[in-house]
Structure formats: C-alpha cells, structure tokens
Amino acid sequence: MDLIEMGAQMLSEQFGVKVDAQTVRGALSGLLGDGSGDIDLSSLAAKMAGNGELGTLLGSWLGDGANQSISADTITDLFGQDELSRFAGQVGVSQREAAGGLADVIPQIMDKASSGGSLLDQFAGGSGGLLGAAKSLLR
C-alpha cells in the first residue's frame, strides 16, 4: 500500500462513512503531493526541520522510537489556514476535524516512510540528504 493510500484509508476511517477514501486520497495528495500524484514528504520534513519544536517532532517520527504527537493547532500552523481549509472542504469536514485527523495520520505516514531516522531514498535522496541535516539539528 502506498503512503497516500494508507493516509487516505486512515483518515476515511477517522472521518467516518461520510467521506470516501478516493476523495480523501485526492485531498491528501493535494496537501502533501508534489503535483504529479506522488507524496512529497521531503518538503514537509524540510519545513519542519527548520523549526526547533517541529524538528524534534520530526525526529521522533523518523527515528525508531515512539512517535511524539502533534496538536491540531500545530497542524494548522504548519499548513496554514488556507491549505487546511481547502483540504477540509474537499473532504467535507470542518477545519478542526481535518486538523485533528491530520495530526493523527501525518506522524504515522512519516514514520512508515522512514527507517532508522532517514526518509526512504525516493523521498530524500538517502541518509546523506535532507534527513541527515535534520538529524544533525536534533543532536
């Protein structure tokens, strides 16, 4: 199962039967996508790595230990009101529900895409790339 599909399935379950997985998949691809239908976690990781608190959260998601939680308010700050509102509108939930769902799902997506603290090669160019820089911030 690809990461967008995994996230869409998890969010669909969270939002309930009122939202179908295909709709959530499209909205999630729009929020986290690279414009070609693929997910772009390296951009999200880069955005987070530059912020002390978010960098710490990122490190927990990419490492082998437990994932730290992120709040719905932090998700709103991370993506911005406009992007989050667009996502919420696409899936037919409130902005608060969308932020809460993403707060539960994004750490799991990032965790699934990582191994030993590095995003998979397809997202960040190997351990010497972006995540090497993120790991150095966390030391």
Protein backbone atom coordinates (compact mmCIF):
# COMPACT_ATOMS: atom_id res chain seq x y z
CA MET A 1 0.00 0.00 0.00
CA ASP A 2 1.45 3.40 -0.90
CA LEU A 3 1.64 6.20 1.65
CA ILE A 4 -1.17 8.31 0.21
CA GLU A 5 -3.44 5.26 0.15
CA MET A 6 -2.51 4.45 3.74
CA GLY A 7 -3.18 8.01 4.87
CA ALA A 8 -6.44 8.20 2.93
CA GLN A 9 -7.66 4.95 4.45
CA MET A 10 -6.77 6.10 7.97
CA LEU A 11 -8.41 9.50 7.51
CA SER A 12 -11.52 7.97 5.94
CA GLU A 13 -11.92 5.73 8.97
CA GLN A 14 -11.43 8.70 11.27
CA PHE A 15 -13.88 10.96 9.45
CA GLY A 16 -16.46 8.19 9.19
CA VAL A 17 -18.60 6.88 6.38
CA LYS A 18 -19.45 10.39 5.20
CA VAL A 19 -16.07 10.59 3.41
CA ASP A 20 -14.95 8.05 0.82
CA ALA A 21 -11.32 7.02 0.58
CA GLN A 22 -10.91 8.25 -3.01
CA THR A 23 -11.98 11.77 -2.04
CA VAL A 24 -9.60 11.77 0.91
CA ARG A 25 -6.83 10.39 -1.31
CA GLY A 26 -7.24 13.28 -3.75
CA ALA A 27 -7.33 15.88 -0.98
CA LEU A 28 -4.31 14.35 0.78
CA SER A 29 -2.41 14.23 -2.49
CA GLY A 30 -3.21 17.91 -2.96
CA LEU A 31 -1.99 18.76 0.52
CA LEU A 32 1.15 16.60 0.62
CA GLY A 33 1.64 15.95 -3.08
CA ASP A 34 4.32 17.00 -5.48
CA GLY A 35 1.85 17.90 -8.25
CA SER A 36 2.21 14.59 -10.06
CA GLY A 37 0.09 12.45 -7.75
CA ASP A 38 3.00 11.37 -5.58
CA ILE A 39 3.53 12.39 -1.98
CA ASP A 40 6.36 14.83 -1.18
CA LEU A 41 7.38 14.19 2.39
CA SER A 42 10.82 15.70 1.92
CA SER A 43 9.32 19.20 1.54
CA LEU A 44 7.25 18.73 4.68
CA ALA A 45 10.32 17.39 6.50
CA ALA A 46 12.41 20.37 5.36
CA LYS A 47 9.75 22.78 6.59
CA MET A 48 9.65 21.04 9.96
CA ALA A 49 13.41 20.57 10.34
CA GLY A 50 13.95 24.32 10.31
CA ASN A 51 11.82 24.80 13.43
CA GLY A 52 13.14 23.64 16.82
CA GLU A 53 9.89 22.18 18.22
CA LEU A 54 8.76 20.79 14.88
CA GLY A 55 12.25 19.45 14.25
CA THR A 56 12.03 17.48 17.48
CA LEU A 57 8.64 16.05 16.44
CA LEU A 58 10.06 15.16 13.04
CA GLY A 59 12.98 13.37 14.66
CA SER A 60 10.61 11.22 16.71
CA TRP A 61 8.61 10.28 13.60
CA LEU A 62 11.68 9.40 11.57
CA GLY A 63 13.52 7.60 14.33
CA ASP A 64 12.91 4.09 15.55
CA GLY A 65 11.30 5.06 18.87
CA ALA A 66 7.79 6.22 19.73
CA ASN A 67 6.21 8.98 17.68
CA GLN A 68 5.55 12.21 19.55
CA SER A 69 2.11 13.66 18.96
CA ILE A 70 1.39 16.89 17.13
CA SER A 71 -1.57 19.09 18.02
CA ALA A 72 -4.33 20.13 15.65
CA ASP A 73 -3.28 23.76 16.22
CA THR A 74 0.28 22.95 15.17
CA ILE A 75 -1.04 21.21 12.04
CA THR A 76 -2.98 24.39 11.25
CA ASP A 77 0.17 26.48 11.72
CA LEU A 78 2.25 24.05 9.65
CA PHE A 79 -0.03 24.01 6.60
CA GLY A 80 -1.70 27.39 7.04
CA GLN A 81 -5.37 28.24 7.29
CA ASP A 82 -5.93 28.40 3.53
CA GLU A 83 -4.43 24.99 2.70
CA LEU A 84 -6.14 23.32 5.65
CA SER A 85 -9.45 24.95 4.76
CA ARG A 86 -9.11 23.73 1.16
CA PHE A 87 -8.35 20.19 2.39
CA ALA A 88 -11.31 20.25 4.81
CA GLY A 89 -13.64 21.50 2.09
CA GLN A 90 -12.55 18.75 -0.29
CA VAL A 91 -13.28 16.00 2.21
CA GLY A 92 -16.40 17.67 3.62
CA VAL A 93 -15.34 18.03 7.25
CA SER A 94 -14.74 21.03 9.47
CA GLN A 95 -11.30 22.57 9.53
CA ARG A 96 -10.96 21.42 13.14
CA GLU A 97 -11.81 17.81 12.19
CA ALA A 98 -9.34 17.97 9.31
CA ALA A 99 -6.56 19.29 11.55
CA GLY A 100 -7.28 16.62 14.16
CA GLY A 101 -7.28 13.84 11.59
CA LEU A 102 -4.05 15.04 10.02
CA ALA A 103 -2.46 15.33 13.46
CA ASP A 104 -3.15 11.63 13.96
CA VAL A 105 -2.18 10.47 10.47
CA ILE A 106 0.86 12.53 9.42
CA PRO A 107 3.17 11.15 12.14
CA GLN A 108 2.24 7.63 11.06
CA ILE A 109 2.84 8.41 7.38
CA MET A 110 6.25 9.94 8.15
CA ASP A 111 7.11 7.01 10.41
CA LYS A 112 6.12 4.49 7.75
CA ALA A 113 8.24 6.34 5.18
CA SER A 114 11.33 6.23 7.37
CA SER A 115 13.76 3.65 8.55
CA GLY A 116 16.40 4.33 11.17
CA GLY A 117 15.87 8.09 11.08
CA SER A 118 16.13 8.60 7.32
CA LEU A 119 13.30 9.05 4.87
CA LEU A 120 13.25 6.42 2.20
CA ASP A 121 15.56 7.15 -0.71
CA GLN A 122 12.67 8.01 -3.01
CA PHE A 123 11.76 10.97 -0.82
CA ALA A 124 15.02 12.49 0.37
CA GLY A 125 17.93 11.14 -1.61
CA GLY A 126 19.24 8.82 1.08
CA SER A 127 20.60 9.37 4.54
CA GLY A 128 23.14 11.95 3.41
CA GLY A 129 20.43 14.29 2.16
CA LEU A 130 17.79 16.32 3.89
CA LEU A 131 17.30 13.99 6.83
CA GLY A 132 21.00 13.92 7.57
CA ALA A 133 20.65 17.65 8.07
CA ALA A 134 17.52 17.18 10.17
CA LYS A 135 19.27 14.59 12.34
CA SER A 136 22.16 16.98 12.93
CA LEU A 137 19.69 19.57 14.24
CA LEU A 138 18.39 17.06 16.75
CA ARG A 139 21.75 16.13 18.25
